[in-house]
Amino acid sequence: MNEKAIEKITKEMNNSPSNAYVQYIGGALIKHLRQSLNDIGKIMNEEKTIAKSLQAMRKEAEKHRIGNCAMLTPEQGLEIVYKYFGIGTKVSPQSTQPTAPKENSGVKFDLKLEDLL
């Protein structure tokens, strides 16, 4: 059943390849599913979609808007998404940070302005 939940999320991600928000949330949901098998049924709910979770985020952000500006941090956004799906997981700032590249990748790069002239 875990694979079916991941397939559901992946399908929605593939249907919106240029929407970075759908990609980000889909990736976060897949990561969550791999860590918590208890929430598979909640994500498998056919009426719950990533697109609708974005609408839930928008509604929440509008409650706190100032003028024409409404924003959420990545942590706040994911907490709203998890609440929408009924997961209820607290998001830590570290879980939304991109991973740093490995320092010792074996490739050395040295370029000087003189090399380009």
N, C-alpha and C. Protein backbone atom coordinates (compact mmCIF):
# COMPACT_ATOMS: atom_id res chain seq x y z
N MET A 1 0.82 -1.20 0.00
CA MET A 1 0.00 0.00 0.00
C MET A 1 0.87 1.26 0.00
N ASN A 2 2.05 1.19 0.60
CA ASN A 2 2.96 2.32 0.61
C ASN A 2 3.31 2.74 -0.81
N GLU A 3 3.54 1.76 -1.67
CA GLU A 3 3.89 2.06 -3.06
C GLU A 3 2.73 2.75 -3.79
N LYS A 4 1.49 2.36 -3.46
CA LYS A 4 0.33 3.00 -4.09
C LYS A 4 0.21 4.45 -3.66
N ALA A 5 0.51 4.74 -2.40
CA ALA A 5 0.47 6.12 -1.91
C ALA A 5 1.55 6.96 -2.59
N ILE A 6 2.72 6.40 -2.72
CA ILE A 6 3.81 7.11 -3.39
C ILE A 6 3.46 7.30 -4.87
N GLU A 7 2.85 6.30 -5.47
CA GLU A 7 2.43 6.39 -6.87
C GLU A 7 1.39 7.51 -7.06
N LYS A 8 0.46 7.64 -6.12
CA LYS A 8 -0.56 8.69 -6.17
C LYS A 8 0.11 10.07 -6.15
N ILE A 9 1.03 10.24 -5.24
CA ILE A 9 1.73 11.53 -5.12
C ILE A 9 2.57 11.80 -6.36
N THR A 10 3.30 10.79 -6.82
CA THR A 10 4.16 10.93 -7.99
C THR A 10 3.34 11.29 -9.22
N LYS A 11 2.18 10.69 -9.36
CA LYS A 11 1.32 10.98 -10.50
C LYS A 11 0.92 12.46 -10.51
N GLU A 12 0.54 12.98 -9.35
CA GLU A 12 0.18 14.39 -9.29
C GLU A 12 1.40 15.28 -9.57
N MET A 13 2.55 14.87 -9.09
CA MET A 13 3.78 15.63 -9.36
C MET A 13 4.08 15.63 -10.86
N ASN A 14 3.91 14.48 -11.51
CA ASN A 14 4.17 14.38 -12.95
C ASN A 14 3.18 15.19 -13.77
N ASN A 15 1.97 15.37 -13.26
CA ASN A 15 0.96 16.16 -13.96
C ASN A 15 1.22 17.66 -13.84
N SER A 16 2.10 18.05 -12.93
CA SER A 16 2.44 19.47 -12.74
C SER A 16 3.95 19.64 -12.66
N PRO A 17 4.67 19.24 -13.72
CA PRO A 17 6.14 19.26 -13.63
C PRO A 17 6.75 20.65 -13.47
N SER A 18 6.05 21.70 -13.93
CA SER A 18 6.63 23.04 -13.82
C SER A 18 6.21 23.77 -12.54
N ASN A 19 5.34 23.16 -11.75
CA ASN A 19 4.90 23.78 -10.51
C ASN A 19 5.83 23.36 -9.38
N ALA A 20 6.72 24.26 -9.00
CA ALA A 20 7.72 23.95 -7.97
C ALA A 20 7.08 23.64 -6.63
N TYR A 21 5.93 24.23 -6.34
CA TYR A 21 5.27 23.98 -5.07
C TYR A 21 4.74 22.55 -4.99
N VAL A 22 4.15 22.09 -6.08
CA VAL A 22 3.65 20.71 -6.11
C VAL A 22 4.82 19.75 -5.97
N GLN A 23 5.93 20.05 -6.62
CA GLN A 23 7.11 19.19 -6.53
C GLN A 23 7.66 19.15 -5.11
N TYR A 24 7.74 20.31 -4.47
CA TYR A 24 8.28 20.41 -3.11
C TYR A 24 7.40 19.65 -2.12
N ILE A 25 6.09 19.90 -2.19
CA ILE A 25 5.17 19.25 -1.26
C ILE A 25 5.12 17.75 -1.53
N GLY A 26 5.10 17.36 -2.79
CA GLY A 26 5.10 15.93 -3.12
C GLY A 26 6.34 15.23 -2.57
N GLY A 27 7.48 15.87 -2.71
CA GLY A 27 8.72 15.30 -2.17
C GLY A 27 8.66 15.17 -0.65
N ALA A 28 8.10 16.19 0.00
CA ALA A 28 7.98 16.14 1.47
C ALA A 28 7.02 15.04 1.90
N LEU A 29 5.93 14.86 1.16
CA LEU A 29 4.97 13.80 1.51
C LEU A 29 5.58 12.41 1.30
N ILE A 30 6.31 12.23 0.23
CA ILE A 30 6.97 10.94 -0.01
C ILE A 30 7.99 10.66 1.09
N LYS A 31 8.76 11.67 1.45
CA LYS A 31 9.74 11.51 2.55
C LYS A 31 9.02 11.13 3.84
N HIS A 32 7.90 11.78 4.11
CA HIS A 32 7.13 11.48 5.32
C HIS A 32 6.60 10.04 5.27
N LEU A 33 6.09 9.63 4.12
CA LEU A 33 5.54 8.27 4.00
C LEU A 33 6.60 7.21 4.27
N ARG A 34 7.80 7.46 3.83
CA ARG A 34 8.87 6.48 4.04
C ARG A 34 9.25 6.37 5.51
N GLN A 35 8.94 7.41 6.30
CA GLN A 35 9.26 7.40 7.72
C GLN A 35 8.09 6.99 8.59
N SER A 36 6.87 7.15 8.08
CA SER A 36 5.68 6.90 8.89
C SER A 36 4.62 6.15 8.08
N LEU A 37 4.63 4.85 8.18
CA LEU A 37 3.68 4.03 7.43
C LEU A 37 2.25 4.17 7.95
N ASN A 38 2.07 4.71 9.15
CA ASN A 38 0.74 4.87 9.74
C ASN A 38 -0.14 5.86 8.98
N ASP A 39 0.47 6.74 8.19
CA ASP A 39 -0.28 7.80 7.52
C ASP A 39 -0.63 7.48 6.07
N ILE A 40 -0.38 6.28 5.63
CA ILE A 40 -0.64 5.91 4.24
C ILE A 40 -2.11 6.10 3.89
N GLY A 41 -3.01 5.63 4.72
CA GLY A 41 -4.44 5.73 4.46
C GLY A 41 -4.90 7.16 4.32
N LYS A 42 -4.32 8.06 5.11
CA LYS A 42 -4.71 9.46 5.07
C LYS A 42 -4.30 10.10 3.74
N ILE A 43 -3.14 9.74 3.25
CA ILE A 43 -2.67 10.29 1.98
C ILE A 43 -3.37 9.64 0.80
N MET A 44 -3.80 8.39 0.97
CA MET A 44 -4.50 7.68 -0.11
C MET A 44 -5.92 8.19 -0.33
N ASN A 45 -6.45 8.99 0.57
CA ASN A 45 -7.79 9.55 0.41
C ASN A 45 -7.85 10.27 -0.93
N GLU A 46 -8.70 9.79 -1.84
CA GLU A 46 -8.78 10.33 -3.20
C GLU A 46 -9.21 11.79 -3.25
N GLU A 47 -9.91 12.26 -2.23
CA GLU A 47 -10.36 13.65 -2.23
C GLU A 47 -9.26 14.60 -1.78
N LYS A 48 -8.18 14.08 -1.21
CA LYS A 48 -7.07 14.91 -0.75
C LYS A 48 -6.00 14.94 -1.83
N THR A 49 -5.64 16.14 -2.27
CA THR A 49 -4.61 16.29 -3.31
C THR A 49 -3.61 17.36 -2.89
N ILE A 50 -2.48 17.35 -3.55
CA ILE A 50 -1.46 18.37 -3.29
C ILE A 50 -2.01 19.74 -3.69
N ALA A 51 -2.71 19.80 -4.83
CA ALA A 51 -3.27 21.07 -5.29
C ALA A 51 -4.24 21.65 -4.26
N LYS A 52 -5.06 20.81 -3.67
CA LYS A 52 -5.99 21.29 -2.66
C LYS A 52 -5.27 21.68 -1.37
N SER A 53 -4.15 21.03 -1.09
CA SER A 53 -3.37 21.42 0.09
C SER A 53 -2.76 22.81 -0.12
N LEU A 54 -2.42 23.12 -1.38
CA LEU A 54 -1.92 24.47 -1.68
C LEU A 54 -3.02 25.51 -1.44
N GLN A 55 -4.26 25.16 -1.74
CA GLN A 55 -5.37 26.07 -1.47
C GLN A 55 -5.52 26.30 0.04
N ALA A 56 -5.33 25.24 0.82
CA ALA A 56 -5.39 25.36 2.28
C ALA A 56 -4.27 26.28 2.78
N MET A 57 -3.08 26.16 2.18
CA MET A 57 -1.98 27.05 2.55
C MET A 57 -2.32 28.49 2.22
N ARG A 58 -2.89 28.70 1.05
CA ARG A 58 -3.24 30.06 0.63
C ARG A 58 -4.25 30.69 1.58
N LYS A 59 -5.27 29.93 1.96
CA LYS A 59 -6.28 30.45 2.88
C LYS A 59 -5.66 30.84 4.22
N GLU A 60 -4.75 30.02 4.71
CA GLU A 60 -4.10 30.32 5.99
C GLU A 60 -3.20 31.54 5.86
N ALA A 61 -2.45 31.65 4.77
CA ALA A 61 -1.56 32.79 4.57
C ALA A 61 -2.37 34.09 4.47
N GLU A 62 -3.53 34.02 3.83
CA GLU A 62 -4.35 35.22 3.68
C GLU A 62 -4.86 35.74 5.02
N LYS A 63 -4.97 34.87 6.00
CA LYS A 63 -5.40 35.30 7.33
C LYS A 63 -4.37 36.23 7.98
N HIS A 64 -3.13 36.11 7.54
CA HIS A 64 -2.03 36.87 8.15
C HIS A 64 -1.42 37.87 7.19
N ARG A 65 -2.09 38.16 6.11
CA ARG A 65 -1.50 39.04 5.10
C ARG A 65 -1.47 40.49 5.57
N ILE A 66 -0.51 41.19 5.02
CA ILE A 66 -0.36 42.61 5.27
C ILE A 66 -0.40 43.28 3.90
N GLY A 67 -1.42 44.06 3.67
CA GLY A 67 -1.60 44.66 2.35
C GLY A 67 -1.84 43.56 1.32
N ASN A 68 -1.03 43.56 0.29
CA ASN A 68 -1.15 42.54 -0.75
C ASN A 68 -0.16 41.40 -0.57
N CYS A 69 0.50 41.34 0.55
CA CYS A 69 1.54 40.34 0.77
C CYS A 69 1.11 39.32 1.81
N ALA A 70 1.15 38.05 1.42
CA ALA A 70 0.84 36.96 2.34
C ALA A 70 1.92 35.90 2.18
N MET A 71 2.59 35.56 3.28
CA MET A 71 3.71 34.63 3.20
C MET A 71 3.64 33.60 4.32
N LEU A 72 4.29 32.48 4.05
CA LEU A 72 4.48 31.43 5.05
C LEU A 72 5.93 30.97 4.97
N THR A 73 6.46 30.52 6.07
CA THR A 73 7.77 29.87 6.01
C THR A 73 7.57 28.46 5.48
N PRO A 74 8.62 27.80 5.00
CA PRO A 74 8.46 26.41 4.56
C PRO A 74 7.90 25.51 5.66
N GLU A 75 8.33 25.74 6.91
CA GLU A 75 7.84 24.94 8.02
C GLU A 75 6.34 25.13 8.22
N GLN A 76 5.90 26.39 8.20
CA GLN A 76 4.47 26.68 8.36
C GLN A 76 3.67 26.06 7.22
N GLY A 77 4.18 26.18 6.01
CA GLY A 77 3.49 25.62 4.86
C GLY A 77 3.32 24.12 4.97
N LEU A 78 4.39 23.42 5.34
CA LEU A 78 4.30 21.96 5.46
C LEU A 78 3.39 21.55 6.61
N GLU A 79 3.38 22.31 7.69
CA GLU A 79 2.47 21.99 8.80
C GLU A 79 1.02 22.10 8.35
N ILE A 80 0.72 23.08 7.52
CA ILE A 80 -0.63 23.22 6.99
C ILE A 80 -0.96 22.06 6.06
N VAL A 81 -0.02 21.66 5.23
CA VAL A 81 -0.23 20.52 4.33
C VAL A 81 -0.47 19.25 5.15
N TYR A 82 0.35 19.02 6.15
CA TYR A 82 0.18 17.82 6.98
C TYR A 82 -1.17 17.84 7.71
N LYS A 83 -1.56 19.02 8.20
CA LYS A 83 -2.86 19.15 8.86
C LYS A 83 -3.97 18.86 7.86
N TYR A 84 -3.85 19.36 6.64
CA TYR A 84 -4.84 19.13 5.59
C TYR A 84 -5.02 17.63 5.34
N PHE A 85 -3.91 16.91 5.27
CA PHE A 85 -3.97 15.47 5.04
C PHE A 85 -4.33 14.70 6.31
N GLY A 86 -4.35 15.37 7.46
CA GLY A 86 -4.68 14.70 8.71
C GLY A 86 -3.50 14.00 9.35
N ILE A 87 -2.31 14.39 8.95
CA ILE A 87 -1.10 13.76 9.46
C ILE A 87 -0.73 14.34 10.82
N GLY A 88 -0.76 15.67 10.95
CA GLY A 88 -0.51 16.32 12.23
C GLY A 88 0.91 16.24 12.72
N THR A 89 1.88 16.23 11.84
CA THR A 89 3.28 16.15 12.22
C THR A 89 3.86 17.55 12.38
N LYS A 90 4.63 17.75 13.43
CA LYS A 90 5.34 19.01 13.64
C LYS A 90 6.57 19.00 12.74
N VAL A 91 6.78 20.09 12.01
CA VAL A 91 7.89 20.19 11.07
C VAL A 91 9.02 20.97 11.71
N SER A 92 10.22 20.42 11.67
CA SER A 92 11.38 21.12 12.20
C SER A 92 12.06 21.90 11.07
N PRO A 93 12.69 23.03 11.39
CA PRO A 93 13.37 23.79 10.33
C PRO A 93 14.42 22.98 9.59
N GLN A 94 15.06 22.04 10.27
CA GLN A 94 16.08 21.24 9.62
C GLN A 94 15.50 20.33 8.54
N SER A 95 14.26 19.91 8.70
CA SER A 95 13.67 19.00 7.72
C SER A 95 13.31 19.69 6.42
N THR A 96 13.26 21.02 6.40
CA THR A 96 12.92 21.73 5.18
C THR A 96 14.15 22.35 4.51
N GLN A 97 15.31 22.20 5.12
CA GLN A 97 16.52 22.76 4.55
C GLN A 97 17.07 21.84 3.47
N PRO A 98 17.54 22.43 2.36
CA PRO A 98 18.17 21.59 1.35
C PRO A 98 19.46 21.00 1.88
N THR A 99 19.80 19.85 1.42
CA THR A 99 21.03 19.22 1.88
C THR A 99 22.21 19.86 1.17
N ALA A 100 23.28 20.05 1.92
CA ALA A 100 24.48 20.66 1.37
C ALA A 100 25.24 19.65 0.52
N PRO A 101 25.86 20.10 -0.55
CA PRO A 101 26.64 19.17 -1.36
C PRO A 101 27.85 18.65 -0.58
N LYS A 102 28.28 17.47 -0.93
CA LYS A 102 29.45 16.91 -0.27
C LYS A 102 30.67 17.73 -0.65
N GLU A 103 31.48 18.03 0.36
CA GLU A 103 32.63 18.89 0.12
C GLU A 103 33.71 18.21 -0.71
N ASN A 104 33.99 16.99 -0.46
CA ASN A 104 35.08 16.31 -1.14
C ASN A 104 34.53 15.44 -2.26
N SER A 105 34.08 16.09 -3.34
CA SER A 105 33.48 15.34 -4.44
C SER A 105 34.53 14.83 -5.42
N GLY A 106 35.77 15.25 -5.25
CA GLY A 106 36.83 14.77 -6.13
C GLY A 106 37.03 15.65 -7.35
N VAL A 107 36.15 16.59 -7.60
CA VAL A 107 36.27 17.48 -8.74
C VAL A 107 36.81 18.81 -8.24
N LYS A 108 37.91 19.24 -8.85
CA LYS A 108 38.50 20.51 -8.47
C LYS A 108 38.22 21.51 -9.58
N PHE A 109 37.87 22.70 -9.16
CA PHE A 109 37.53 23.74 -10.12
C PHE A 109 38.29 24.99 -9.76
N ASP A 110 39.05 25.49 -10.71
CA ASP A 110 39.83 26.69 -10.49
C ASP A 110 39.75 27.52 -11.76
N LEU A 111 39.10 28.67 -11.69
CA LEU A 111 38.92 29.51 -12.85
C LEU A 111 39.27 30.93 -12.47
N LYS A 112 40.08 31.55 -13.30
CA LYS A 112 40.49 32.93 -13.07
C LYS A 112 39.97 33.79 -14.22
N LEU A 113 39.78 35.06 -13.96
CA LEU A 113 39.31 35.97 -14.98
C LEU A 113 40.23 35.96 -16.19
N GLU A 114 41.53 35.85 -15.94
CA GLU A 114 42.50 35.85 -17.03
C GLU A 114 42.29 34.66 -17.97
N ASP A 115 41.80 33.55 -17.46
CA ASP A 115 41.57 32.37 -18.30
C ASP A 115 40.45 32.62 -19.32
N LEU A 116 39.56 33.53 -18.99
CA LEU A 116 38.44 33.81 -19.88
C LEU A 116 38.75 34.88 -20.92
N LEU A 117 39.80 35.63 -20.70
CA LEU A 117 40.15 36.73 -21.63
C LEU A 117 41.09 36.32 -22.71
